[in-house]
PDB file of N, CA and C in Angstrom:
ATOM      1  N   ILE A   1       7.801 -18.539  -2.376  1.00  0.00           N
ATOM      2  CA  ILE A   1       8.696 -17.576  -1.745  1.00  0.00           C
ATOM      3  C   ILE A   1       9.281 -18.079  -0.447  1.00  0.00           C
ATOM      4  N   VAL A   2       8.910 -19.309  -0.067  1.00  0.00           N
ATOM      5  CA  VAL A   2       9.479 -19.873   1.163  1.00  0.00           C
ATOM      6  C   VAL A   2      10.317 -21.102   0.822  1.00  0.00           C
ATOM      7  N   ALA A   3      11.291 -21.365   1.668  1.00  0.00           N
ATOM      8  CA  ALA A   3      12.159 -22.534   1.532  1.00  0.00           C
ATOM      9  C   ALA A   3      11.431 -23.766   2.069  1.00  0.00           C
ATOM     10  N   PRO A   4      11.931 -24.974   1.770  1.00  0.00           N
ATOM     11  CA  PRO A   4      11.288 -26.191   2.273  1.00  0.00           C
ATOM     12  C   PRO A   4      11.113 -26.221   3.792  1.00  0.00           C
ATOM     13  N   ASP A   5      11.999 -25.532   4.524  1.00  0.00           N
ATOM     14  CA  ASP A   5      11.870 -25.515   5.984  1.00  0.00           C
ATOM     15  C   ASP A   5      10.865 -24.481   6.483  1.00  0.00           C
ATOM     16  N   GLY A   6      10.223 -23.756   5.556  1.00  0.00           N
ATOM     17  CA  GLY A   6       9.219 -22.750   5.929  1.00  0.00           C
ATOM     18  C   GLY A   6       9.777 -21.356   6.109  1.00  0.00           C
ATOM     19  N   GLY A   7      11.091 -21.209   6.104  1.00  0.00           N
ATOM     20  CA  GLY A   7      11.710 -19.884   6.233  1.00  0.00           C
ATOM     21  C   GLY A   7      11.727 -19.143   4.906  1.00  0.00           C
ATOM     22  N   ASP A   8      12.082 -17.901   4.963  1.00  0.00           N
ATOM     23  CA  ASP A   8      12.168 -17.096   3.745  1.00  0.00           C
ATOM     24  C   ASP A   8      13.384 -17.485   2.906  1.00  0.00           C
ATOM     25  N   ARG A   9      13.235 -17.400   1.616  1.00  0.00           N
ATOM     26  CA  ARG A   9      14.370 -17.558   0.706  1.00  0.00           C
ATOM     27  C   ARG A   9      15.112 -16.224   0.673  1.00  0.00           C
ATOM     28  N   PRO A  10      16.352 -16.198   0.184  1.00  0.00           N
ATOM     29  CA  PRO A  10      17.119 -14.944   0.177  1.00  0.00           C
ATOM     30  C   PRO A  10      16.442 -13.807  -0.581  1.00  0.00           C
ATOM     31  N   TRP A  11      15.646 -14.119  -1.585  1.00  0.00           N
ATOM     32  CA  TRP A  11      15.020 -13.092  -2.413  1.00  0.00           C
ATOM     33  C   TRP A  11      13.579 -12.783  -2.034  1.00  0.00           C
ATOM     34  N   THR A  12      13.063 -13.374  -0.966  1.00  0.00           N
ATOM     35  CA  THR A  12      11.676 -13.149  -0.562  1.00  0.00           C
ATOM     36  C   THR A  12      11.396 -11.667  -0.321  1.00  0.00           C
ATOM     37  N   GLY A  13      12.310 -10.977   0.345  1.00  0.00           N
ATOM     38  CA  GLY A  13      12.112  -9.564   0.640  1.00  0.00           C
ATOM     39  C   GLY A  13      11.960  -8.702  -0.588  1.00  0.00           C
ATOM     40  N   ALA A  14      12.535  -9.123  -1.719  1.00  0.00           N
ATOM     41  CA  ALA A  14      12.408  -8.351  -2.958  1.00  0.00           C
ATOM     42  C   ALA A  14      11.018  -8.488  -3.572  1.00  0.00           C
ATOM     43  N   LEU A  15      10.314  -9.561  -3.226  1.00  0.00           N
ATOM     44  CA  LEU A  15       8.977  -9.797  -3.791  1.00  0.00           C
ATOM     45  C   LEU A  15       7.838  -9.311  -2.912  1.00  0.00           C
ATOM     46  N   VAL A  16       8.009  -9.397  -1.613  1.00  0.00           N
ATOM     47  CA  VAL A  16       6.920  -9.072  -0.687  1.00  0.00           C
ATOM     48  C   VAL A  16       6.946  -7.572  -0.409  1.00  0.00           C
ATOM     49  N   ARG A  17       5.985  -6.870  -0.959  1.00  0.00           N
ATOM     50  CA  ARG A  17       5.884  -5.422  -0.833  1.00  0.00           C
ATOM     51  C   ARG A  17       4.403  -5.035  -0.789  1.00  0.00           C
ATOM     52  N   PRO A  18       4.088  -3.853  -0.280  1.00  0.00           N
ATOM     53  CA  PRO A  18       2.712  -3.351  -0.441  1.00  0.00           C
ATOM     54  C   PRO A  18       2.400  -3.223  -1.943  1.00  0.00           C
ATOM     55  N   TYR A  19       1.114  -3.320  -2.263  1.00  0.00           N
ATOM     56  CA  TYR A  19       0.713  -3.161  -3.663  1.00  0.00           C
ATOM     57  C   TYR A  19      -0.744  -2.697  -3.732  1.00  0.00           C
ATOM     58  N   PRO A  20      -1.102  -1.975  -4.796  1.00  0.00           N
ATOM     59  CA  PRO A  20      -2.501  -1.567  -4.957  1.00  0.00           C
ATOM     60  C   PRO A  20      -3.314  -2.718  -5.563  1.00  0.00           C
ATOM     61  N   ARG A  21      -4.301  -3.197  -4.810  1.00  0.00           N
ATOM     62  CA  ARG A  21      -5.202  -4.238  -5.313  1.00  0.00           C
ATOM     63  C   ARG A  21      -6.245  -3.603  -6.235  1.00  0.00           C
ATOM     64  N   ALA A  22      -6.632  -2.385  -5.919  1.00  0.00           N
ATOM     65  CA  ALA A  22      -7.586  -1.637  -6.744  1.00  0.00           C
ATOM     66  C   ALA A  22      -7.170  -0.169  -6.694  1.00  0.00           C
ATOM     67  N   LEU A  23      -7.173   0.478  -7.834  1.00  0.00           N
ATOM     68  CA  LEU A  23      -6.729   1.865  -7.907  1.00  0.00           C
ATOM     69  C   LEU A  23      -7.813   2.716  -8.560  1.00  0.00           C
ATOM     70  N   ALA A  24      -8.393   3.642  -7.791  1.00  0.00           N
ATOM     71  CA  ALA A  24      -9.455   4.524  -8.286  1.00  0.00           C
ATOM     72  C   ALA A  24      -8.803   5.762  -8.906  1.00  0.00           C
ATOM     73  N   GLY A  25      -8.018   5.527  -9.931  1.00  0.00           N
ATOM     74  CA  GLY A  25      -7.323   6.625 -10.578  1.00  0.00           C
ATOM     75  C   GLY A  25      -6.242   6.124 -11.507  1.00  0.00           C
ATOM     76  N   GLU A  26      -5.368   7.038 -11.893  1.00  0.00           N
ATOM     77  CA  GLU A  26      -4.276   6.731 -12.817  1.00  0.00           C
ATOM     78  C   GLU A  26      -2.948   6.889 -12.090  1.00  0.00           C
ATOM     79  N   PRO A  27      -2.106   5.851 -12.080  1.00  0.00           N
ATOM     80  CA  PRO A  27      -0.833   5.965 -11.368  1.00  0.00           C
ATOM     81  C   PRO A  27       0.082   7.000 -12.026  1.00  0.00           C
ATOM     82  N   ILE A  28       0.774   7.745 -11.180  1.00  0.00           N
ATOM     83  CA  ILE A  28       1.760   8.713 -11.650  1.00  0.00           C
ATOM     84  C   ILE A  28       3.160   8.206 -11.309  1.00  0.00           C
ATOM     85  N   ARG A  29       3.325   7.740 -10.071  1.00  0.00           N
ATOM     86  CA  ARG A  29       4.625   7.238  -9.623  1.00  0.00           C
ATOM     87  C   ARG A  29       4.411   6.188  -8.539  1.00  0.00           C
ATOM     88  N   TRP A  30       5.305   5.187  -8.542  1.00  0.00           N
ATOM     89  CA  TRP A  30       5.220   4.107  -7.585  1.00  0.00           C
ATOM     90  C   TRP A  30       6.642   3.737  -7.179  1.00  0.00           C
ATOM     91  N   ASP A  31       6.968   3.900  -5.894  1.00  0.00           N
ATOM     92  CA  ASP A  31       8.281   3.556  -5.362  1.00  0.00           C
ATOM     93  C   ASP A  31       8.144   2.289  -4.531  1.00  0.00           C
ATOM     94  N   SER A  32       8.997   1.316  -4.760  1.00  0.00           N
ATOM     95  CA  SER A  32       8.857  -0.029  -4.201  1.00  0.00           C
ATOM     96  C   SER A  32       9.042  -0.149  -2.693  1.00  0.00           C
ATOM     97  N   GLY A  33       9.667   0.820  -2.059  1.00  0.00           N
ATOM     98  CA  GLY A  33       9.904   0.718  -0.628  1.00  0.00           C
ATOM     99  C   GLY A  33      11.148  -0.077  -0.284  1.00  0.00           C
ATOM    100  N   ARG A  34      11.929  -0.401  -1.286  1.00  0.00           N
ATOM    101  CA  ARG A  34      13.155  -1.169  -1.019  1.00  0.00           C
ATOM    102  C   ARG A  34      14.149  -0.336  -0.212  1.00  0.00           C
ATOM    103  N   GLU A  35      14.257   0.929  -0.545  1.00  0.00           N
ATOM    104  CA  GLU A  35      15.126   1.844   0.197  1.00  0.00           C
ATOM    105  C   GLU A  35      14.281   3.032   0.637  1.00  0.00           C
ATOM    106  N   GLY A  36      13.697   2.922   1.808  1.00  0.00           N
ATOM    107  CA  GLY A  36      12.816   3.977   2.306  1.00  0.00           C
ATOM    108  C   GLY A  36      11.377   3.540   2.260  1.00  0.00           C
ATOM    109  N   PRO A  37      10.458   4.468   2.430  1.00  0.00           N
ATOM    110  CA  PRO A  37       9.043   4.104   2.466  1.00  0.00           C
ATOM    111  C   PRO A  37       8.507   3.694   1.097  1.00  0.00           C
ATOM    112  N   TRP A  38       7.482   2.830   1.106  1.00  0.00           N
ATOM    113  CA  TRP A  38       6.748   2.506  -0.110  1.00  0.00           C
ATOM    114  C   TRP A  38       5.870   3.710  -0.416  1.00  0.00           C
ATOM    115  N   ARG A  39       5.794   4.123  -1.669  1.00  0.00           N
ATOM    116  CA  ARG A  39       5.044   5.340  -1.995  1.00  0.00           C
ATOM    117  C   ARG A  39       4.310   5.169  -3.327  1.00  0.00           C
ATOM    118  N   LEU A  40       3.071   5.631  -3.349  1.00  0.00           N
ATOM    119  CA  LEU A  40       2.262   5.633  -4.562  1.00  0.00           C
ATOM    120  C   LEU A  40       1.655   7.018  -4.723  1.00  0.00           C
ATOM    121  N   THR A  41       1.812   7.587  -5.905  1.00  0.00           N
ATOM    122  CA  THR A  41       1.174   8.862  -6.245  1.00  0.00           C
ATOM    123  C   THR A  41       0.251   8.585  -7.416  1.00  0.00           C
ATOM    124  N   TYR A  42      -1.010   9.002  -7.293  1.00  0.00           N
ATOM    125  CA  TYR A  42      -1.945   8.783  -8.395  1.00  0.00           C
ATOM    126  C   TYR A  42      -2.891   9.959  -8.556  1.00  0.00           C
ATOM    127  N   ARG A  43      -3.427  10.057  -9.780  1.00  0.00           N
ATOM    128  CA  ARG A  43      -4.424  11.081 -10.098  1.00  0.00           C
ATOM    129  C   ARG A  43      -5.788  10.455  -9.888  1.00  0.00           C
ATOM    130  N   ALA A  44      -6.539  10.991  -8.940  1.00  0.00           N
ATOM    131  CA  ALA A  44      -7.862  10.452  -8.621  1.00  0.00           C
ATOM    132  C   ALA A  44      -8.817  10.687  -9.789  1.00  0.00           C
ATOM    133  N   VAL A  45      -9.610   9.673 -10.093  1.00  0.00           N
ATOM    134  CA  VAL A  45     -10.601   9.761 -11.156  1.00  0.00           C
ATOM    135  C   VAL A  45     -11.969   9.682 -10.504  1.00  0.00           C
ATOM    136  N   ARG A  46     -12.666  10.766 -10.517  1.00  0.00           N
ATOM    137  CA  ARG A  46     -13.960  10.823  -9.831  1.00  0.00           C
ATOM    138  C   ARG A  46     -15.048  10.019 -10.534  1.00  0.00           C
ATOM    139  N   SER A  47     -14.887   9.722 -11.810  1.00  0.00           N
ATOM    140  CA  SER A  47     -15.909   8.962 -12.532  1.00  0.00           C
ATOM    141  C   SER A  47     -15.939   7.485 -12.105  1.00  0.00           C
ATOM    142  N   VAL A  48     -14.982   7.071 -11.292  1.00  0.00           N
ATOM    143  CA  VAL A  48     -14.943   5.695 -10.815  1.00  0.00           C
ATOM    144  C   VAL A  48     -16.092   5.438  -9.846  1.00  0.00           C
ATOM    145  N   GLY A  49     -16.680   6.480  -9.345  1.00  0.00           N
ATOM    146  CA  GLY A  49     -17.786   6.327  -8.401  1.00  0.00           C
ATOM    147  C   GLY A  49     -17.281   6.263  -6.980  1.00  0.00           C
ATOM    148  N   ASP A  50     -17.895   5.388  -6.187  1.00  0.00           N
ATOM    149  CA  ASP A  50     -17.540   5.291  -4.780  1.00  0.00           C
ATOM    150  C   ASP A  50     -16.495   4.222  -4.482  1.00  0.00           C
ATOM    151  N   ALA A  51     -15.957   3.580  -5.503  1.00  0.00           N
ATOM    152  CA  ALA A  51     -14.973   2.524  -5.268  1.00  0.00           C
ATOM    153  C   ALA A  51     -13.704   3.111  -4.672  1.00  0.00           C
ATOM    154  N   PRO A  52     -13.222   2.533  -3.564  1.00  0.00           N
ATOM    155  CA  PRO A  52     -11.996   3.047  -2.949  1.00  0.00           C
ATOM    156  C   PRO A  52     -10.746   2.466  -3.608  1.00  0.00           C
ATOM    157  N   THR A  53      -9.639   3.132  -3.395  1.00  0.00           N
ATOM    158  CA  THR A  53      -8.347   2.541  -3.705  1.00  0.00           C
ATOM    159  C   THR A  53      -8.023   1.600  -2.557  1.00  0.00           C
ATOM    160  N   GLU A  54      -7.503   0.419  -2.867  1.00  0.00           N
ATOM    161  CA  GLU A  54      -7.154  -0.571  -1.851  1.00  0.00           C
ATOM    162  C   GLU A  54      -5.667  -0.866  -1.948  1.00  0.00           C
ATOM    163  N   ILE A  55      -4.942  -0.616  -0.856  1.00  0.00           N
ATOM    164  CA  ILE A  55      -3.520  -0.908  -0.789  1.00  0.00           C
ATOM    165  C   ILE A  55      -3.330  -2.070   0.192  1.00  0.00           C
ATOM    166  N   VAL A  56      -2.763  -3.170  -0.278  1.00  0.00           N
ATOM    167  CA  VAL A  56      -2.513  -4.334   0.565  1.00  0.00           C
ATOM    168  C   VAL A  56      -1.123  -4.188   1.181  1.00  0.00           C
ATOM    169  N   ILE A  57      -1.062  -4.329   2.502  1.00  0.00           N
ATOM    170  CA  ILE A  57       0.200  -4.282   3.240  1.00  0.00           C
ATOM    171  C   ILE A  57       0.439  -5.700   3.777  1.00  0.00           C
ATOM    172  N   PRO A  58       1.293  -6.502   3.129  1.00  0.00           N
ATOM    173  CA  PRO A  58       1.506  -7.874   3.593  1.00  0.00           C
ATOM    174  C   PRO A  58       2.091  -7.925   5.007  1.00  0.00           C
ATOM    175  N   ALA A  59       1.599  -8.840   5.820  1.00  0.00           N
ATOM    176  CA  ALA A  59       2.094  -8.991   7.196  1.00  0.00           C
ATOM    177  C   ALA A  59       3.589  -9.286   7.195  1.00  0.00           C
ATOM    178  N   ARG A  60       4.055 -10.058   6.235  1.00  0.00           N
ATOM    179  CA  ARG A  60       5.473 -10.407   6.150  1.00  0.00           C
ATOM    180  C   ARG A  60       6.323  -9.153   5.927  1.00  0.00           C
ATOM    181  N   TRP A  61       5.809  -8.163   5.217  1.00  0.00           N
ATOM    182  CA  TRP A  61       6.539  -6.917   4.968  1.00  0.00           C
ATOM    183  C   TRP A  61       6.456  -5.988   6.173  1.00  0.00           C
ATOM    184  N   ALA A  62       5.292  -5.889   6.752  1.00  0.00           N
ATOM    185  CA  ALA A  62       5.070  -4.923   7.834  1.00  0.00           C
ATOM    186  C   ALA A  62       5.711  -5.362   9.145  1.00  0.00           C
ATOM    187  N   GLY A  63       5.861  -6.672   9.328  1.00  0.00           N
ATOM    188  CA  GLY A  63       6.471  -7.165  10.564  1.00  0.00           C
ATOM    189  C   GLY A  63       5.681  -6.728  11.784  1.00  0.00           C
ATOM    190  N   ALA A  64       6.307  -5.957  12.649  1.00  0.00           N
ATOM    191  CA  ALA A  64       5.680  -5.535  13.911  1.00  0.00           C
ATOM    192  C   ALA A  64       4.716  -4.370  13.735  1.00  0.00           C
ATOM    193  N   GLY A  65       4.614  -3.820  12.557  1.00  0.00           N
ATOM    194  CA  GLY A  65       3.689  -2.723  12.336  1.00  0.00           C
ATOM    195  C   GLY A  65       4.156  -1.809  11.221  1.00  0.00           C
ATOM    196  N   PHE A  66       3.343  -0.817  10.937  1.00  0.00           N
ATOM    197  CA  PHE A  66       3.681   0.143   9.899  1.00  0.00           C
ATOM    198  C   PHE A  66       2.958   1.451  10.154  1.00  0.00           C
ATOM    199  N   ARG A  67       3.446   2.488   9.535  1.00  0.00           N
ATOM    200  CA  ARG A  67       2.790   3.799   9.566  1.00  0.00           C
ATOM    201  C   ARG A  67       2.350   4.123   8.154  1.00  0.00           C
ATOM    202  N   ALA A  68       1.125   4.612   8.024  1.00  0.00           N
ATOM    203  CA  ALA A  68       0.610   5.013   6.716  1.00  0.00           C
ATOM    204  C   ALA A  68       0.229   6.485   6.765  1.00  0.00           C
ATOM    205  N   ARG A  69       0.553   7.181   5.683  1.00  0.00           N
ATOM    206  CA  ARG A  69       0.202   8.599   5.553  1.00  0.00           C
ATOM    207  C   ARG A  69      -0.424   8.774   4.176  1.00  0.00           C
ATOM    208  N   VAL A  70      -1.574   9.441   4.152  1.00  0.00           N
ATOM    209  CA  VAL A  70      -2.274   9.690   2.898  1.00  0.00           C
ATOM    210  C   VAL A  70      -2.536  11.178   2.785  1.00  0.00           C
ATOM    211  N   GLU A  71      -2.074  11.771   1.702  1.00  0.00           N
ATOM    212  CA  GLU A  71      -2.332  13.191   1.428  1.00  0.00           C
ATOM    213  C   GLU A  71      -3.376  13.291   0.326  1.00  0.00           C
ATOM    214  N   GLY A  72      -4.408  14.059   0.577  1.00  0.00           N
ATOM    215  CA  GLY A  72      -5.407  14.329  -0.447  1.00  0.00           C
ATOM    216  C   GLY A  72      -6.639  13.458  -0.420  1.00  0.00           C
ATOM    217  N   ALA A  73      -6.773  12.591   0.582  1.00  0.00           N
ATOM    218  CA  ALA A  73      -7.963  11.723   0.663  1.00  0.00           C
ATOM    219  C   ALA A  73      -8.102  11.190   2.083  1.00  0.00           C
ATOM    220  N   ASP A  74      -9.291  10.687   2.382  1.00  0.00           N
ATOM    221  CA  ASP A  74      -9.546  10.032   3.670  1.00  0.00           C
ATOM    222  C   ASP A  74      -9.143   8.566   3.541  1.00  0.00           C
ATOM    223  N   SER A  75      -8.696   7.969   4.650  1.00  0.00           N
ATOM    224  CA  SER A  75      -8.305   6.563   4.602  1.00  0.00           C
ATOM    225  C   SER A  75      -8.601   5.887   5.940  1.00  0.00           C
ATOM    226  N   HIS A  76      -8.676   4.559   5.905  1.00  0.00           N
ATOM    227  CA  HIS A  76      -8.793   3.766   7.119  1.00  0.00           C
ATOM    228  C   HIS A  76      -8.287   2.354   6.827  1.00  0.00           C
ATOM    229  N   ARG A  77      -7.912   1.650   7.896  1.00  0.00           N
ATOM    230  CA  ARG A  77      -7.367   0.305   7.792  1.00  0.00           C
ATOM    231  C   ARG A  77      -8.454  -0.729   8.042  1.00  0.00           C
ATOM    232  N   VAL A  78      -8.347  -1.848   7.328  1.00  0.00           N
ATOM    233  CA  VAL A  78      -9.222  -2.997   7.565  1.00  0.00           C
ATOM    234  C   VAL A  78      -8.380  -4.259   7.469  1.00  0.00           C
ATOM    235  N   GLY A  79      -8.845  -5.342   8.054  1.00  0.00           N
ATOM    236  CA  GLY A  79      -8.167  -6.624   7.915  1.00  0.00           C
ATOM    237  C   GLY A  79      -7.401  -7.046   9.151  1.00  0.00           C
ATOM    238  N   ASP A  80      -7.103  -8.334   9.206  1.00  0.00           N
ATOM    239  CA  ASP A  80      -6.394  -8.911  10.337  1.00  0.00           C
ATOM    240  C   ASP A  80      -4.941  -9.205   9.964  1.00  0.00           C
ATOM    241  N   GLU A  81      -4.711 -10.222   9.160  1.00  0.00           N
ATOM    242  CA  GLU A  81      -3.353 -10.579   8.730  1.00  0.00           C
ATOM    243  C   GLU A  81      -2.887  -9.523   7.738  1.00  0.00           C
ATOM    244  N   GLY A  82      -1.709  -8.972   7.980  1.00  0.00           N
ATOM    245  CA  GLY A  82      -1.298  -7.871   7.135  1.00  0.00           C
ATOM    246  C   GLY A  82      -2.309  -6.772   7.337  1.00  0.00           C
ATOM    247  N   CYS A  83      -2.643  -6.090   6.305  1.00  0.00           N
ATOM    248  CA  CYS A  83      -3.626  -5.035   6.442  1.00  0.00           C
ATOM    249  C   CYS A  83      -3.972  -4.515   5.065  1.00  0.00           C
ATOM    250  N   THR A  84      -5.167  -4.018   4.941  1.00  0.00           N
ATOM    251  CA  THR A  84      -5.570  -3.326   3.727  1.00  0.00           C
ATOM    252  C   THR A  84      -5.878  -1.891   4.107  1.00  0.00           C
ATOM    253  N   LEU A  85      -5.309  -0.978   3.370  1.00  0.00           N
ATOM    254  CA  LEU A  85      -5.553   0.442   3.566  1.00  0.00           C
ATOM    255  C   LEU A  85      -6.564   0.869   2.505  1.00  0.00           C
ATOM    256  N   LEU A  86      -7.746   1.317   2.940  1.00  0.00           N
ATOM    257  CA  LEU A  86      -8.775   1.797   2.016  1.00  0.00           C
ATOM    258  C   LEU A  86      -8.699   3.314   1.943  1.00  0.00           C
ATOM    259  N   ILE A  87      -8.663   3.835   0.736  1.00  0.00           N
ATOM    260  CA  ILE A  87      -8.554   5.280   0.516  1.00  0.00           C
ATOM    261  C   ILE A  87      -9.805   5.737  -0.218  1.00  0.00           C
ATOM    262  N   ASP A  88     -10.611   6.554   0.463  1.00  0.00           N
ATOM    263  CA  ASP A  88     -11.895   7.025  -0.063  1.00  0.00           C
ATOM    264  C   ASP A  88     -11.863   8.528  -0.297  1.00  0.00           C
ATOM    265  N   LYS A  89     -12.883   9.003  -0.919  1.00  0.00           N
ATOM    266  CA  LYS A  89     -13.221  10.423  -0.990  1.00  0.00           C
ATOM    267  C   LYS A  89     -12.022  11.337  -1.218  1.00  0.00           C
ATOM    268  N   PRO A  90     -11.428  11.278  -2.409  1.00  0.00           N
ATOM    269  CA  PRO A  90     -10.299  12.182  -2.664  1.00  0.00           C
ATOM    270  C   PRO A  90     -10.740  13.635  -2.547  1.00  0.00           C
ATOM    271  N   ARG A  91      -9.918  14.421  -1.863  1.00  0.00           N
ATOM    272  CA  ARG A  91     -10.183  15.854  -1.713  1.00  0.00           C
ATOM    273  C   ARG A  91      -9.397  16.676  -2.719  1.00  0.00           C
ATOM    274  N   THR A  92      -8.390  16.057  -3.310  1.00  0.00           N
ATOM    275  CA  THR A  92      -7.555  16.739  -4.296  1.00  0.00           C
ATOM    276  C   THR A  92      -7.405  15.834  -5.512  1.00  0.00           C
ATOM    277  N   GLU A  93      -6.932  16.395  -6.596  1.00  0.00           N
ATOM    278  CA  GLU A  93      -6.744  15.612  -7.819  1.00  0.00           C
ATOM    279  C   GLU A  93      -5.612  14.596  -7.657  1.00  0.00           C
ATOM    280  N   ILE A  94      -4.546  14.979  -6.974  1.00  0.00           N
ATOM    281  CA  ILE A  94      -3.387  14.117  -6.770  1.00  0.00           C
ATOM    282  C   ILE A  94      -3.423  13.562  -5.340  1.00  0.00           C
ATOM    283  N   VAL A  95      -3.317  12.246  -5.224  1.00  0.00           N
ATOM    284  CA  VAL A  95      -3.301  11.580  -3.921  1.00  0.00           C
ATOM    285  C   VAL A  95      -1.938  10.909  -3.759  1.00  0.00           C
ATOM    286  N   VAL A  96      -1.333  11.088  -2.586  1.00  0.00           N
ATOM    287  CA  VAL A  96      -0.041  10.479  -2.279  1.00  0.00           C
ATOM    288  C   VAL A  96      -0.219   9.553  -1.075  1.00  0.00           C
ATOM    289  N   VAL A  97       0.207   8.299  -1.242  1.00  0.00           N
ATOM    290  CA  VAL A  97       0.128   7.303  -0.170  1.00  0.00           C
ATOM    291  C   VAL A  97       1.564   6.900   0.176  1.00  0.00           C
ATOM    292  N   GLU A  98       1.888   6.921   1.454  1.00  0.00           N
ATOM    293  CA  GLU A  98       3.211   6.531   1.903  1.00  0.00           C
ATOM    294  C   GLU A  98       3.069   5.533   3.037  1.00  0.00           C
ATOM    295  N   VAL A  99       3.768   4.413   2.936  1.00  0.00           N
ATOM    296  CA  VAL A  99       3.713   3.372   3.966  1.00  0.00           C
ATOM    297  C   VAL A  99       5.146   3.079   4.382  1.00  0.00           C
ATOM    298  N   GLU A 100       5.371   3.138   5.699  1.00  0.00           N
ATOM    299  CA  GLU A 100       6.708   2.940   6.226  1.00  0.00           C
ATOM    300  C   GLU A 100       6.672   1.841   7.294  1.00  0.00           C
ATOM    301  N   ARG A 101       7.665   0.993   7.277  1.00  0.00           N
ATOM    302  CA  ARG A 101       7.760  -0.077   8.274  1.00  0.00           C
ATOM    303  C   ARG A 101       7.969   0.495   9.657  1.00  0.00           C
ATOM    304  N   GLY A 102       7.493  -0.237  10.657  1.00  0.00           N
ATOM    305  CA  GLY A 102       7.651   0.194  12.047  1.00  0.00           C
ATOM    306  C   GLY A 102       6.351   0.758  12.573  1.00  0.00           C
ATOM    307  N   GLY A 103       6.088   0.527  13.819  1.00  0.00           N
ATOM    308  CA  GLY A 103       4.811   0.956  14.388  1.00  0.00           C
ATOM    309  C   GLY A 103       4.915   2.281  14.990  1.00  0.00           C
TER     310      GLY A 103
END
């Protein structure tokens, strides 16, 4: 995704997006964040046990920072480069995750 000089290629931005590394449920809708915030809506599956949903926020996408909003579950951030958003303990059947660029 990088050019020989180390810079981004013209299409790098189309590939680098947040993504779910692990999903403790069934996806309902996923918006890429190309025009507006990145958004994931899923139906939480309690039989998964204590495994959290993990959303990776690439540093290249987030730039100077990002805002995350989670409806229906508890969440917290971990990681240094980029960030991983861990979503635990769903309180509702439907969980909505929204990630927007900017701090």
